[in-house]
N, C-alpha and C. Protein backbone atom coordinates (compact mmCIF):
# COMPACT_ATOMS: atom_id res chain seq x y z
N MET A 1 -12.18 -0.44 14.46
CA MET A 1 -10.28 -1.55 14.13
C MET A 1 -9.52 -1.28 15.46
N ASP A 2 -9.47 -1.75 16.13
CA ASP A 2 -8.93 -2.51 17.66
C ASP A 2 -7.50 -1.77 17.24
N ASP A 3 -6.79 -1.06 18.68
CA ASP A 3 -5.43 -0.47 19.04
C ASP A 3 -4.40 -1.47 17.95
N ARG A 4 -4.44 -2.93 18.41
CA ARG A 4 -3.47 -3.83 17.79
C ARG A 4 -3.60 -3.82 16.65
N MET A 5 -4.41 -3.49 15.84
CA MET A 5 -4.38 -3.67 14.52
C MET A 5 -3.42 -2.21 14.01
N LEU A 6 -3.75 -0.98 14.88
CA LEU A 6 -3.26 0.10 14.07
C LEU A 6 -1.72 0.10 14.27
N ARG A 7 -1.38 -0.61 15.06
CA ARG A 7 0.29 -0.75 15.44
C ARG A 7 1.02 -1.84 14.17
N ARG A 8 0.41 -2.78 13.72
CA ARG A 8 0.74 -3.58 12.78
C ARG A 8 1.54 -2.87 11.16
N ARG A 9 2.51 -3.51 11.10
CA ARG A 9 2.89 -3.35 9.34
C ARG A 9 1.89 -3.70 8.43
N VAL A 10 1.75 -3.12 7.37
CA VAL A 10 1.69 -3.32 6.23
C VAL A 10 2.64 -4.20 5.56
N TYR A 11 1.80 -4.89 4.36
CA TYR A 11 3.03 -5.74 3.58
C TYR A 11 3.19 -4.19 2.40
N GLY A 12 4.26 -4.49 1.79
CA GLY A 12 5.04 -3.39 0.93
C GLY A 12 5.70 -2.00 1.73
N ALA A 13 5.32 -1.92 2.79
CA ALA A 13 5.75 -0.35 3.33
C ALA A 13 7.08 -0.49 3.18
N ASP A 14 8.12 0.62 3.41
CA ASP A 14 9.33 0.42 3.36
C ASP A 14 9.62 0.09 4.80
N HIS A 15 10.94 -0.31 5.33
CA HIS A 15 11.09 -0.34 6.38
C HIS A 15 11.68 0.32 6.86
N ASP A 16 11.87 1.83 6.44
CA ASP A 16 11.97 3.13 7.06
C ASP A 16 11.17 3.68 7.27
N ASP A 17 10.24 3.66 7.18
CA ASP A 17 9.23 4.38 7.20
C ASP A 17 8.40 4.09 8.78
N PRO A 18 8.27 5.47 9.26
CA PRO A 18 8.24 5.92 10.70
C PRO A 18 6.95 5.26 10.90
N ASP A 19 5.94 5.56 10.13
CA ASP A 19 4.43 4.65 10.35
C ASP A 19 4.52 3.81 9.20
N PRO A 20 4.48 2.32 9.52
CA PRO A 20 3.96 1.21 8.46
C PRO A 20 2.85 0.63 8.92
N GLY A 21 2.10 1.28 9.11
CA GLY A 21 0.65 0.84 9.67
C GLY A 21 -0.32 1.31 8.74
N PRO A 22 -1.72 1.00 8.84
CA PRO A 22 -2.37 0.89 7.76
C PRO A 22 -3.06 2.43 7.59
N LEU A 23 -3.81 2.61 6.44
CA LEU A 23 -4.18 4.09 6.20
C LEU A 23 -5.25 4.24 6.54
N GLN A 24 -5.96 5.13 7.16
CA GLN A 24 -7.68 5.41 7.21
C GLN A 24 -7.76 5.27 6.12
N GLY A 25 -9.43 5.08 5.83
CA GLY A 25 -10.36 4.08 5.05
C GLY A 25 -9.62 3.36 3.48
N HIS A 26 -8.65 2.36 3.93
CA HIS A 26 -8.31 1.25 3.45
C HIS A 26 -8.72 0.51 4.24
N ALA A 27 -9.21 -1.35 3.31
CA ALA A 27 -9.50 -2.40 3.75
C ALA A 27 -8.15 -3.13 3.70
N TYR A 28 -7.76 -3.89 4.71
CA TYR A 28 -6.97 -5.10 5.06
C TYR A 28 -7.49 -6.28 5.38
N GLY A 29 -6.41 -7.02 5.23
CA GLY A 29 -6.47 -8.60 5.44
C GLY A 29 -5.18 -8.81 5.80
N GLU A 30 -5.21 -9.91 7.75
CA GLU A 30 -3.90 -10.16 7.89
C GLU A 30 -3.75 -11.84 7.52
N LEU A 31 -2.44 -11.38 6.57
CA LEU A 31 -1.33 -12.79 6.16
C LEU A 31 -1.51 -13.77 6.87
N VAL A 32 -1.68 -14.81 6.54
CA VAL A 32 -1.52 -16.15 7.76
C VAL A 32 -0.71 -17.13 7.02
N GLY A 33 0.53 -17.38 7.57
CA GLY A 33 1.39 -18.18 7.51
C GLY A 33 2.57 -18.20 6.09
N GLY A 34 3.77 -18.89 6.90
CA GLY A 34 4.81 -18.61 5.77
C GLY A 34 5.32 -17.33 6.70
N PRO A 35 6.16 -16.65 6.02
CA PRO A 35 7.35 -15.95 6.28
C PRO A 35 6.36 -14.18 6.52
N LEU A 36 5.27 -14.05 5.71
CA LEU A 36 4.62 -12.90 6.11
C LEU A 36 3.45 -13.11 7.36
N ASP A 37 3.60 -13.95 7.75
CA ASP A 37 2.48 -14.46 8.87
C ASP A 37 2.28 -13.00 9.49
N GLY A 38 1.12 -12.52 9.71
CA GLY A 38 0.63 -11.45 10.34
C GLY A 38 0.87 -10.43 10.30
N LEU A 39 1.26 -10.23 9.00
CA LEU A 39 1.55 -8.53 8.09
C LEU A 39 -0.13 -8.54 7.66
N LEU A 40 -0.05 -7.25 7.32
CA LEU A 40 -1.27 -6.38 6.80
C LEU A 40 -1.44 -6.66 5.28
N LEU A 41 -2.15 -6.67 4.71
CA LEU A 41 -1.95 -6.52 3.28
C LEU A 41 -3.52 -5.40 2.59
N ASP A 42 -3.01 -4.84 1.65
CA ASP A 42 -4.54 -3.54 1.50
C ASP A 42 -4.91 -4.44 0.46
N ILE A 43 -6.33 -4.61 0.76
CA ILE A 43 -7.15 -5.29 0.24
C ILE A 43 -8.18 -4.53 -0.72
N THR A 44 -8.14 -3.03 -0.87
CA THR A 44 -9.23 -2.14 -0.93
C THR A 44 -9.17 -2.32 -2.26
N GLY A 45 -10.33 -2.18 -3.02
CA GLY A 45 -10.89 -2.69 -4.27
C GLY A 45 -10.88 -3.68 -4.81
N TRP A 46 -10.44 -4.88 -3.67
CA TRP A 46 -10.53 -6.32 -4.52
C TRP A 46 -12.11 -6.75 -4.27
N SER A 47 -11.75 -8.00 -5.47
CA SER A 47 -12.94 -8.26 -5.79
C SER A 47 -13.59 -9.63 -4.59
N GLY A 48 -14.80 -10.13 -4.54
CA GLY A 48 -14.96 -10.91 -3.36
C GLY A 48 -14.56 -12.44 -4.02
N PRO A 49 -14.17 -12.98 -5.45
CA PRO A 49 -13.30 -13.75 -5.78
C PRO A 49 -12.07 -13.39 -5.76
N GLN A 50 -11.32 -12.74 -5.79
CA GLN A 50 -10.09 -12.08 -5.45
C GLN A 50 -9.83 -12.44 -3.86
N LEU A 51 -10.76 -11.90 -2.97
CA LEU A 51 -10.17 -12.03 -1.86
C LEU A 51 -10.45 -13.30 -1.13
N ASP A 52 -11.21 -14.49 -2.17
CA ASP A 52 -11.12 -15.77 -1.91
C ASP A 52 -10.01 -16.62 -2.08
N GLU A 53 -9.18 -16.04 -2.99
CA GLU A 53 -7.84 -16.82 -3.43
C GLU A 53 -6.76 -16.67 -2.78
N GLU A 54 -5.75 -17.52 -2.65
CA GLU A 54 -4.64 -17.65 -1.78
C GLU A 54 -3.68 -16.64 -2.36
N VAL A 55 -2.51 -15.80 -2.20
CA VAL A 55 -1.90 -14.84 -2.81
C VAL A 55 -0.67 -15.40 -3.10
N ARG A 56 -0.06 -14.90 -3.48
CA ARG A 56 1.64 -15.02 -4.01
C ARG A 56 2.54 -14.12 -3.69
N LEU A 57 2.94 -13.54 -2.64
CA LEU A 57 3.61 -11.95 -2.88
C LEU A 57 5.11 -12.20 -2.58
N PRO A 58 5.87 -11.42 -3.70
CA PRO A 58 7.48 -11.52 -3.44
C PRO A 58 8.01 -11.04 -2.21
N THR A 59 8.66 -11.96 -1.62
CA THR A 59 9.56 -11.38 -0.68
C THR A 59 11.03 -11.71 -0.33
N GLU A 60 11.79 -10.81 0.45
CA GLU A 60 12.50 -11.32 0.50
C GLU A 60 13.11 -12.44 1.84
N ILE A 61 12.49 -12.63 2.26
CA ILE A 61 12.47 -13.27 3.42
C ILE A 61 11.98 -15.04 3.74
N GLY A 62 11.80 -15.37 2.50
CA GLY A 62 11.09 -16.74 2.58
C GLY A 62 11.89 -17.75 1.91
N ARG A 63 11.77 -19.30 2.11
CA ARG A 63 12.51 -20.25 1.81
C ARG A 63 13.95 -20.11 0.99
N TYR A 64 13.54 -19.16 -0.08
CA TYR A 64 14.12 -18.93 -0.95
C TYR A 64 15.15 -18.09 -1.48
N GLY A 65 14.70 -17.93 -0.15
CA GLY A 65 16.02 -16.11 -0.23
C GLY A 65 15.13 -14.97 -1.36
N PRO A 66 15.67 -13.87 -1.50
CA PRO A 66 15.56 -13.14 -2.25
C PRO A 66 15.09 -13.03 -3.53
N GLY A 67 13.95 -12.66 -3.93
CA GLY A 67 13.37 -12.68 -5.50
C GLY A 67 12.68 -13.98 -5.12
N GLY A 68 12.15 -14.92 -4.15
CA GLY A 68 11.67 -15.52 -3.99
C GLY A 68 9.91 -15.00 -3.76
N ARG A 69 8.90 -16.34 -3.36
CA ARG A 69 7.85 -15.71 -3.20
C ARG A 69 7.06 -16.66 -2.06
N ALA A 70 6.02 -15.73 -1.22
CA ALA A 70 5.55 -16.60 -0.24
C ALA A 70 4.31 -16.62 -0.68
N ALA A 71 3.46 -18.24 -0.56
CA ALA A 71 2.00 -17.97 -0.63
C ALA A 71 1.34 -18.13 0.83
N THR A 72 0.34 -17.27 0.24
CA THR A 72 -0.32 -17.16 2.33
C THR A 72 -1.99 -16.86 1.33
N ALA A 73 -2.71 -16.66 2.51
CA ALA A 73 -4.11 -15.72 2.60
C ALA A 73 -4.24 -15.28 3.56
N ALA A 74 -5.81 -14.38 3.35
CA ALA A 74 -5.95 -13.51 4.89
C ALA A 74 -6.70 -14.18 5.61
N ARG A 75 -6.70 -13.99 6.72
CA ARG A 75 -7.15 -14.41 7.79
C ARG A 75 -8.66 -13.71 8.08
N SER A 76 -8.67 -12.43 8.08
CA SER A 76 -9.39 -11.13 8.20
C SER A 76 -9.50 -10.46 7.86
N ARG A 77 -10.55 -9.49 7.67
CA ARG A 77 -10.62 -8.50 6.76
C ARG A 77 -10.99 -6.99 7.49
N ARG A 78 -10.61 -6.03 7.56
CA ARG A 78 -11.17 -5.05 8.15
C ARG A 78 -10.86 -4.05 7.25
N THR A 79 -11.14 -2.74 8.04
CA THR A 79 -11.18 -1.66 7.23
C THR A 79 -10.52 -0.27 8.37
N ALA A 80 -9.78 0.07 7.69
CA ALA A 80 -9.21 1.17 9.16
C ALA A 80 -9.59 2.54 9.10
N SER A 81 -10.44 3.21 9.67
CA SER A 81 -10.87 4.18 10.24
C SER A 81 -10.36 5.44 11.09
N GLY A 82 -10.71 6.28 10.73
CA GLY A 82 -10.58 7.06 12.03
C GLY A 82 -11.17 7.83 12.80
């Protein structure tokens, strides 16, 4: 995994977390499109068919404000290693 990915924020990480990046041994997909573009999604344990589907994730920063959902897809899959 490259250093750029290590500095990226993981979807669902607390905004006050001093290290919101990927965890060792977890697999991540990069989210594409919408307000979550560029965030990493922990896809550890997901099946092949699940990885091929679009996901709808709750977000406070979407078009519809708090309680809204953002439809997004994964651009790539990577495993965090140490």
